[in-house]
């Protein structure tokens, strides 16, 4: 149900907030508990989720707390990532 990968390497077009919510469900962790792990208020995290407004630093911290790795990069036409 929460598999966001598509065969062939693509992803469903989900917002960052939707992906975070799915990963929380996979890990059986509430948004409130994630906020505690991040040492921020649950209201602050809920606001970020509702606005889909995260810094890259936020995303790295969230991934770490959920046991994942976050990567952000551009892929050029020849397949180079940067």
Protein backbone atom coordinates (compact mmCIF):
# COMPACT_ATOMS: atom_id res chain seq x y z
CA UNK A 1 0.00 0.00 0.00
CA UNK A 2 2.82 2.41 0.78
CA UNK A 3 5.21 1.32 -1.94
CA UNK A 4 6.11 4.50 -3.79
CA UNK A 5 8.60 2.96 -6.20
CA UNK A 6 7.49 2.13 -9.71
CA UNK A 7 9.18 -0.59 -11.74
CA UNK A 8 11.69 1.01 -14.05
CA UNK A 9 13.04 3.36 -11.39
CA UNK A 10 10.31 5.99 -11.27
CA UNK A 11 8.39 7.31 -8.29
CA UNK A 12 4.81 8.32 -7.82
CA UNK A 13 4.44 12.07 -7.83
CA UNK A 14 4.12 12.55 -4.06
CA UNK A 15 4.87 15.69 -2.10
CA UNK A 16 7.66 15.60 0.45
CA UNK A 17 5.06 15.77 3.22
CA UNK A 18 3.21 12.76 1.80
CA UNK A 19 6.45 10.79 1.64
CA UNK A 20 7.28 11.67 5.26
CA UNK A 21 3.80 10.60 6.40
CA UNK A 22 4.15 7.28 4.53
CA UNK A 23 7.58 6.64 6.06
CA UNK A 24 6.18 7.40 9.52
CA UNK A 25 3.40 4.87 8.95
CA UNK A 26 5.91 2.28 7.76
CA UNK A 27 7.89 2.83 10.95
CA UNK A 28 4.74 2.93 13.12
CA UNK A 29 5.71 6.36 14.48
CA UNK A 30 3.32 9.26 14.94
CA UNK A 31 4.03 12.80 13.82
CA UNK A 32 4.09 13.79 17.50
CA UNK A 33 6.72 11.14 18.27
CA UNK A 34 8.79 12.19 15.25
CA UNK A 35 8.67 15.79 16.45
CA UNK A 36 9.93 14.69 19.87
CA UNK A 37 12.82 12.83 18.25
CA UNK A 38 13.63 15.95 16.23
CA UNK A 39 13.37 18.07 19.39
CA UNK A 40 10.79 20.40 17.87
CA UNK A 41 7.16 20.98 18.78
CA UNK A 42 4.55 18.81 17.12
CA UNK A 43 2.83 22.03 16.02
CA UNK A 44 6.03 23.14 14.24
CA UNK A 45 6.33 19.80 12.43
CA UNK A 46 2.61 19.80 11.57
CA UNK A 47 2.98 23.29 10.10
CA UNK A 48 5.95 22.19 7.99
CA UNK A 49 3.94 19.19 6.79
CA UNK A 50 0.88 21.26 5.93
CA UNK A 51 2.98 23.78 3.98
CA UNK A 52 5.31 21.11 2.56
CA UNK A 53 8.14 23.40 3.64
CA UNK A 54 11.36 21.64 4.66
CA UNK A 55 14.98 22.65 4.45
CA UNK A 56 17.46 20.10 3.21
CA UNK A 57 18.82 19.96 6.77
CA UNK A 58 15.31 19.12 8.04
CA UNK A 59 15.00 16.29 5.54
CA UNK A 60 18.37 14.80 6.51
CA UNK A 61 17.37 14.89 10.20
CA UNK A 62 13.96 13.35 9.52
CA UNK A 63 15.50 10.58 7.42
CA UNK A 64 18.07 9.83 10.13
CA UNK A 65 15.39 9.62 12.85
CA UNK A 66 13.32 7.27 10.68
CA UNK A 67 16.33 5.08 9.84
CA UNK A 68 16.70 6.17 6.23
CA UNK A 69 19.12 8.20 4.15
CA UNK A 70 18.01 11.35 2.34
CA UNK A 71 19.66 12.25 -0.96
CA UNK A 72 19.00 15.31 -3.07
CA UNK A 73 20.64 15.83 -6.43
CA UNK A 74 20.12 16.85 -10.02
CA UNK A 75 20.52 14.35 -12.84
CA UNK A 76 21.93 15.74 -16.06
CA UNK A 77 20.90 14.36 -19.45
CA UNK A 78 23.91 12.03 -19.62
CA UNK A 79 22.98 10.51 -16.26
CA UNK A 80 25.51 12.46 -14.18
CA UNK A 81 24.30 13.33 -10.69
CA UNK A 82 25.24 16.54 -8.94
